[in-house]
Amino acid sequence: MKKVISVLCALVVLSMGVSAQNHQGQRRGGDNGWRERVRAEKVAFLTQEIDLTESEAQVFWPIYNEIQKAQREGFEEVKKAYDAMAKGVEEKKDAKEMEKLVKAYIDAKEKHEGIETKYLNKLLKELPAEKVARYYVAEEKFRHQQIGRLGNGSFPNLRMSEEQKQQWKERGEQMKEQFRNWTGQKKEDE
């Protein structure tokens, strides 16, 4: 029952952000809904892995939505700064202009990378450290799972040759093994 309530809370909170994002996606040409399916899978996966109580879920999911929004915005800033820098290189801008463009790019990257630290403190303030750790472990597990799916060619709208699919599958298996080794080594060290 606790899990059902947590999932429902998560879905209600996430649906608010998703509907705005979905509207944006439709304006850009859409993605046939696969991003929304992945997001929904991620919510269910995180809910199961983190094992939040109802009160923890009510605190966690709004923070999670903030993290996701900040990461998307940060990524867009990095991309915009990179594109401006690449255009400056192509147009052979003078040294002073290039210095500005490079600094803007590095600043955007540093800001994007600082998002984790900013929200780590917020999460630790609101949730037990074990649940925060479970969140980060679940994020990595989900990421590895998605890389594996990509390697198997199970994402729609992605055209890969059989050789590319095999390479991705092998790389996914290597990453899973590295992750297993890493988590196993951590347990041995404790």
C-alpha atoms as a PDB file:
ATOM      1  CA  MET A   1       0.000   0.000   0.000  1.00  0.00           C
ATOM      2  CA  LYS A   2       2.844   2.342   0.895  1.00  0.00           C
ATOM      3  CA  LYS A   3       4.382   1.848  -2.565  1.00  0.00           C
ATOM      4  CA  VAL A   4       1.066   2.462  -4.317  1.00  0.00           C
ATOM      5  CA  ILE A   5       0.611   5.747  -2.480  1.00  0.00           C
ATOM      6  CA  SER A   6       4.218   6.757  -3.227  1.00  0.00           C
ATOM      7  CA  VAL A   7       3.775   6.011  -6.919  1.00  0.00           C
ATOM      8  CA  LEU A   8       0.514   7.952  -7.039  1.00  0.00           C
ATOM      9  CA  CYS A   9       2.096  10.940  -5.279  1.00  0.00           C
ATOM     10  CA  ALA A  10       5.029  10.813  -7.676  1.00  0.00           C
ATOM     11  CA  LEU A  11       2.837  10.608 -10.737  1.00  0.00           C
ATOM     12  CA  VAL A  12       0.670  13.534  -9.645  1.00  0.00           C
ATOM     13  CA  VAL A  13       3.692  15.730  -8.928  1.00  0.00           C
ATOM     14  CA  LEU A  14       5.478  14.703 -12.124  1.00  0.00           C
ATOM     15  CA  SER A  15       2.413  15.104 -14.302  1.00  0.00           C
ATOM     16  CA  MET A  16       2.450  18.841 -13.646  1.00  0.00           C
ATOM     17  CA  GLY A  17       5.968  19.170 -15.062  1.00  0.00           C
ATOM     18  CA  VAL A  18       5.401  16.616 -17.794  1.00  0.00           C
ATOM     19  CA  SER A  19       2.382  18.378 -19.253  1.00  0.00           C
ATOM     20  CA  ALA A  20       4.386  21.583 -19.683  1.00  0.00           C
ATOM     21  CA  GLN A  21       7.297  19.654 -21.197  1.00  0.00           C
ATOM     22  CA  ASN A  22       4.962  17.694 -23.459  1.00  0.00           C
ATOM     23  CA  HIS A  23       3.522  20.942 -24.789  1.00  0.00           C
ATOM     24  CA  GLN A  24       7.070  22.172 -25.527  1.00  0.00           C
ATOM     25  CA  GLY A  25       7.919  18.898 -27.263  1.00  0.00           C
ATOM     26  CA  GLN A  26       4.852  19.155 -29.468  1.00  0.00           C
ATOM     27  CA  ARG A  27       5.866  22.648 -30.535  1.00  0.00           C
ATOM     28  CA  ARG A  28       9.318  21.348 -31.528  1.00  0.00           C
ATOM     29  CA  GLY A  29       7.950  18.465 -33.568  1.00  0.00           C
ATOM     30  CA  GLY A  30       7.509  15.906 -30.811  1.00  0.00           C
ATOM     31  CA  ASP A  31       9.281  12.654 -30.071  1.00  0.00           C
ATOM     32  CA  ASN A  32       6.403  10.182 -30.565  1.00  0.00           C
ATOM     33  CA  GLY A  33       5.986   9.902 -26.789  1.00  0.00           C
ATOM     34  CA  TRP A  34       9.036   7.737 -26.089  1.00  0.00           C
ATOM     35  CA  ARG A  35      10.562  10.340 -23.754  1.00  0.00           C
ATOM     36  CA  GLU A  36       7.410  10.353 -21.678  1.00  0.00           C
ATOM     37  CA  ARG A  37       7.429   6.559 -21.521  1.00  0.00           C
ATOM     38  CA  VAL A  38      11.042   6.593 -20.345  1.00  0.00           C
ATOM     39  CA  ARG A  39      10.224   9.243 -17.727  1.00  0.00           C
ATOM     40  CA  ALA A  40       7.295   7.172 -16.474  1.00  0.00           C
ATOM     41  CA  GLU A  41       9.504   4.079 -16.315  1.00  0.00           C
ATOM     42  CA  LYS A  42      12.087   6.082 -14.409  1.00  0.00           C
ATOM     43  CA  VAL A  43       9.525   7.283 -11.867  1.00  0.00           C
ATOM     44  CA  ALA A  44       8.352   3.736 -11.246  1.00  0.00           C
ATOM     45  CA  PHE A  45      11.946   2.491 -11.036  1.00  0.00           C
ATOM     46  CA  LEU A  46      13.025   5.216  -8.604  1.00  0.00           C
ATOM     47  CA  THR A  47       9.923   4.706  -6.483  1.00  0.00           C
ATOM     48  CA  GLN A  48      10.664   1.022  -6.140  1.00  0.00           C
ATOM     49  CA  GLU A  49      14.409   1.433  -5.560  1.00  0.00           C
ATOM     50  CA  ILE A  50      14.297   4.314  -3.082  1.00  0.00           C
ATOM     51  CA  ASP A  51      11.389   2.866  -1.068  1.00  0.00           C
ATOM     52  CA  LEU A  52      10.010   6.214   0.072  1.00  0.00           C
ATOM     53  CA  THR A  53       7.353   6.537   2.719  1.00  0.00           C
ATOM     54  CA  GLU A  54       4.321   8.646   1.822  1.00  0.00           C
ATOM     55  CA  SER A  55       5.676  11.698   3.665  1.00  0.00           C
ATOM     56  CA  GLU A  56       9.133  11.226   2.119  1.00  0.00           C
ATOM     57  CA  ALA A  57       7.591  10.979  -1.348  1.00  0.00           C
ATOM     58  CA  GLN A  58       5.749  14.254  -0.826  1.00  0.00           C
ATOM     59  CA  VAL A  59       9.091  15.934  -0.088  1.00  0.00           C
ATOM     60  CA  PHE A  60      11.245  14.046  -2.610  1.00  0.00           C
ATOM     61  CA  TRP A  61       9.279  14.376  -5.858  1.00  0.00           C
ATOM     62  CA  PRO A  62       9.077  18.198  -5.916  1.00  0.00           C
ATOM     63  CA  ILE A  63      12.846  18.355  -5.280  1.00  0.00           C
ATOM     64  CA  TYR A  64      13.394  15.719  -7.962  1.00  0.00           C
ATOM     65  CA  ASN A  65      11.378  17.831 -10.424  1.00  0.00           C
ATOM     66  CA  GLU A  66      13.527  20.860  -9.543  1.00  0.00           C
ATOM     67  CA  ILE A  67      16.676  18.805 -10.168  1.00  0.00           C
ATOM     68  CA  GLN A  68      15.409  17.609 -13.543  1.00  0.00           C
ATOM     69  CA  LYS A  69      14.422  21.140 -14.582  1.00  0.00           C
ATOM     70  CA  ALA A  70      17.766  22.588 -13.454  1.00  0.00           C
ATOM     71  CA  GLN A  71      19.654  19.863 -15.320  1.00  0.00           C
ATOM     72  CA  ARG A  72      17.687  20.443 -18.535  1.00  0.00           C
ATOM     73  CA  GLU A  73      18.202  24.205 -18.302  1.00  0.00           C
ATOM     74  CA  GLY A  74      21.879  23.761 -17.460  1.00  0.00           C
ATOM     75  CA  PHE A  75      22.353  21.437 -20.410  1.00  0.00           C
ATOM     76  CA  GLU A  76      20.677  23.967 -22.703  1.00  0.00           C
ATOM     77  CA  GLU A  77      23.009  26.718 -21.421  1.00  0.00           C
ATOM     78  CA  VAL A  78      26.062  24.530 -22.040  1.00  0.00           C
ATOM     79  CA  LYS A  79      24.818  23.667 -25.526  1.00  0.00           C
ATOM     80  CA  LYS A  80      24.118  27.310 -26.342  1.00  0.00           C
ATOM     81  CA  ALA A  81      27.568  28.400 -25.094  1.00  0.00           C
ATOM     82  CA  TYR A  82      29.230  25.564 -27.006  1.00  0.00           C
ATOM     83  CA  ASP A  83      27.396  26.451 -30.214  1.00  0.00           C
ATOM     84  CA  ALA A  84      28.455  30.106 -29.850  1.00  0.00           C
ATOM     85  CA  MET A  85      32.067  29.052 -29.231  1.00  0.00           C
ATOM     86  CA  ALA A  86      32.065  26.663 -32.218  1.00  0.00           C
ATOM     87  CA  LYS A  87      30.611  29.401 -34.406  1.00  0.00           C
ATOM     88  CA  GLY A  88      33.337  31.769 -33.164  1.00  0.00           C
ATOM     89  CA  VAL A  89      35.998  29.244 -34.179  1.00  0.00           C
ATOM     90  CA  GLU A  90      34.374  28.786 -37.588  1.00  0.00           C
ATOM     91  CA  GLU A  91      34.149  32.537 -38.117  1.00  0.00           C
ATOM     92  CA  LYS A  92      37.726  33.042 -36.856  1.00  0.00           C
ATOM     93  CA  LYS A  93      36.764  35.586 -34.200  1.00  0.00           C
ATOM     94  CA  ASP A  94      39.565  37.651 -32.667  1.00  0.00           C
ATOM     95  CA  ALA A  95      41.365  36.531 -29.499  1.00  0.00           C
ATOM     96  CA  LYS A  96      39.393  38.796 -27.177  1.00  0.00           C
ATOM     97  CA  GLU A  97      36.028  37.546 -28.470  1.00  0.00           C
ATOM     98  CA  MET A  98      37.185  33.910 -28.359  1.00  0.00           C
ATOM     99  CA  GLU A  99      38.300  34.370 -24.768  1.00  0.00           C
ATOM    100  CA  LYS A 100      34.794  35.579 -23.855  1.00  0.00           C
ATOM    101  CA  LEU A 101      33.208  32.639 -25.655  1.00  0.00           C
ATOM    102  CA  VAL A 102      35.494  30.084 -23.999  1.00  0.00           C
ATOM    103  CA  LYS A 103      34.878  31.586 -20.549  1.00  0.00           C
ATOM    104  CA  ALA A 104      31.121  31.571 -21.133  1.00  0.00           C
ATOM    105  CA  TYR A 105      31.299  27.892 -22.125  1.00  0.00           C
ATOM    106  CA  ILE A 106      33.382  26.904 -19.084  1.00  0.00           C
ATOM    107  CA  ASP A 107      31.143  28.950 -16.776  1.00  0.00           C
ATOM    108  CA  ALA A 108      28.060  27.198 -18.162  1.00  0.00           C
ATOM    109  CA  LYS A 109      29.690  23.776 -17.693  1.00  0.00           C
ATOM    110  CA  GLU A 110      30.705  24.576 -14.104  1.00  0.00           C
ATOM    111  CA  LYS A 111      27.225  25.836 -13.296  1.00  0.00           C
ATOM    112  CA  HIS A 112      25.698  22.675 -14.768  1.00  0.00           C
ATOM    113  CA  GLU A 113      28.088  20.461 -12.829  1.00  0.00           C
ATOM    114  CA  GLY A 114      27.264  22.312  -9.583  1.00  0.00           C
ATOM    115  CA  ILE A 115      23.608  21.318  -9.775  1.00  0.00           C
ATOM    116  CA  GLU A 116      24.268  17.975  -8.039  1.00  0.00           C
ATOM    117  CA  THR A 117      25.972  19.657  -5.066  1.00  0.00           C
ATOM    118  CA  LYS A 118      23.225  22.235  -4.722  1.00  0.00           C
ATOM    119  CA  TYR A 119      20.483  19.641  -4.612  1.00  0.00           C
ATOM    120  CA  LEU A 120      22.426  17.100  -2.577  1.00  0.00           C
ATOM    121  CA  ASN A 121      22.334  19.488   0.352  1.00  0.00           C
ATOM    122  CA  LYS A 122      18.635  20.092  -0.169  1.00  0.00           C
ATOM    123  CA  LEU A 123      17.902  16.355  -0.319  1.00  0.00           C
ATOM    124  CA  LEU A 124      19.992  15.615   2.789  1.00  0.00           C
ATOM    125  CA  LYS A 125      18.139  18.339   4.658  1.00  0.00           C
ATOM    126  CA  GLU A 126      14.767  16.742   3.870  1.00  0.00           C
ATOM    127  CA  LEU A 127      15.466  12.986   3.697  1.00  0.00           C
ATOM    128  CA  PRO A 128      17.543  10.395   5.555  1.00  0.00           C
ATOM    129  CA  ALA A 129      21.015   9.961   4.044  1.00  0.00           C
ATOM    130  CA  GLU A 130      20.225   6.323   3.214  1.00  0.00           C
ATOM    131  CA  LYS A 131      17.282   7.385   1.003  1.00  0.00           C
ATOM    132  CA  VAL A 132      19.435  10.010  -0.710  1.00  0.00           C
ATOM    133  CA  ALA A 133      22.093   7.367  -1.371  1.00  0.00           C
ATOM    134  CA  ARG A 134      19.405   5.014  -2.692  1.00  0.00           C
ATOM    135  CA  TYR A 135      18.288   7.784  -5.053  1.00  0.00           C
ATOM    136  CA  TYR A 136      21.763   8.233  -6.531  1.00  0.00           C
ATOM    137  CA  VAL A 137      22.308   4.475  -6.822  1.00  0.00           C
ATOM    138  CA  ALA A 138      18.905   4.109  -8.511  1.00  0.00           C
ATOM    139  CA  GLU A 139      19.742   6.933 -10.945  1.00  0.00           C
ATOM    140  CA  GLU A 140      22.907   5.088 -11.999  1.00  0.00           C
ATOM    141  CA  LYS A 141      21.138   1.746 -12.247  1.00  0.00           C
ATOM    142  CA  PHE A 142      18.444   3.270 -14.429  1.00  0.00           C
ATOM    143  CA  ARG A 143      21.016   4.992 -16.619  1.00  0.00           C
ATOM    144  CA  HIS A 144      22.838   1.683 -17.122  1.00  0.00           C
ATOM    145  CA  GLN A 145      19.534  -0.027 -17.878  1.00  0.00           C
ATOM    146  CA  GLN A 146      18.743   2.572 -20.541  1.00  0.00           C
ATOM    147  CA  ILE A 147      22.192   2.243 -22.079  1.00  0.00           C
ATOM    148  CA  GLY A 148      21.557  -1.487 -22.281  1.00  0.00           C
ATOM    149  CA  ARG A 149      18.206  -0.882 -23.974  1.00  0.00           C
ATOM    150  CA  LEU A 150      19.856   1.452 -26.429  1.00  0.00           C
ATOM    151  CA  GLY A 151      22.411  -1.243 -27.159  1.00  0.00           C
ATOM    152  CA  ASN A 152      19.639  -3.735 -27.829  1.00  0.00           C
ATOM    153  CA  GLY A 153      18.050  -1.313 -30.268  1.00  0.00           C
ATOM    154  CA  SER A 154      14.818  -1.156 -28.286  1.00  0.00           C
ATOM    155  CA  PHE A 155      14.441   2.627 -28.509  1.00  0.00           C
ATOM    156  CA  PRO A 156      12.026   3.729 -31.217  1.00  0.00           C
ATOM    157  CA  ASN A 157      13.151   6.059 -34.001  1.00  0.00           C
ATOM    158  CA  LEU A 158      16.731   4.896 -33.654  1.00  0.00           C
ATOM    159  CA  ARG A 159      18.146   3.291 -36.742  1.00  0.00           C
ATOM    160  CA  MET A 160      21.270   1.222 -36.209  1.00  0.00           C
ATOM    161  CA  SER A 161      22.951  -1.478 -38.194  1.00  0.00           C
ATOM    162  CA  GLU A 162      23.161  -4.948 -36.674  1.00  0.00           C
ATOM    163  CA  GLU A 163      26.884  -4.369 -36.102  1.00  0.00           C
ATOM    164  CA  GLN A 164      26.166  -1.128 -34.202  1.00  0.00           C
ATOM    165  CA  LYS A 165      23.510  -2.876 -32.114  1.00  0.00           C
ATOM    166  CA  GLN A 166      26.001  -5.600 -31.236  1.00  0.00           C
ATOM    167  CA  GLN A 167      28.647  -3.022 -30.288  1.00  0.00           C
ATOM    168  CA  TRP A 168      26.179  -1.187 -28.049  1.00  0.00           C
ATOM    169  CA  LYS A 169      25.077  -4.447 -26.479  1.00  0.00           C
ATOM    170  CA  GLU A 170      28.680  -5.427 -25.744  1.00  0.00           C
ATOM    171  CA  ARG A 171      29.425  -1.983 -24.322  1.00  0.00           C
ATOM    172  CA  GLY A 172      26.325  -2.201 -22.144  1.00  0.00           C
ATOM    173  CA  GLU A 173      27.480  -5.556 -20.796  1.00  0.00           C
ATOM    174  CA  GLN A 174      30.932  -4.121 -20.102  1.00  0.00           C
ATOM    175  CA  MET A 175      29.386  -1.214 -18.210  1.00  0.00           C
ATOM    176  CA  LYS A 176      27.167  -3.551 -16.205  1.00  0.00           C
ATOM    177  CA  GLU A 177      30.217  -5.613 -15.278  1.00  0.00           C
ATOM    178  CA  GLN A 178      32.153  -2.493 -14.294  1.00  0.00           C
ATOM    179  CA  PHE A 179      29.220  -1.385 -12.163  1.00  0.00           C
ATOM    180  CA  ARG A 180      29.017  -4.816 -10.514  1.00  0.00           C
ATOM    181  CA  ASN A 181      32.758  -4.737  -9.843  1.00  0.00           C
ATOM    182  CA  TRP A 182      32.550  -1.239  -8.457  1.00  0.00           C
ATOM    183  CA  THR A 183      29.667  -2.029  -6.121  1.00  0.00           C
ATOM    184  CA  GLY A 184      31.320  -5.299  -5.115  1.00  0.00           C
ATOM    185  CA  GLN A 185      34.575  -3.532  -4.342  1.00  0.00           C
ATOM    186  CA  LYS A 186      32.738  -0.959  -2.273  1.00  0.00           C
ATOM    187  CA  LYS A 187      31.098  -3.707  -0.210  1.00  0.00           C
ATOM    188  CA  GLU A 188      34.476  -5.375   0.358  1.00  0.00           C
ATOM    189  CA  ASP A 189      35.997  -2.088   1.526  1.00  0.00           C
ATOM    190  CA  GLU A 190      33.320  -1.544   4.174  1.00  0.00           C
END
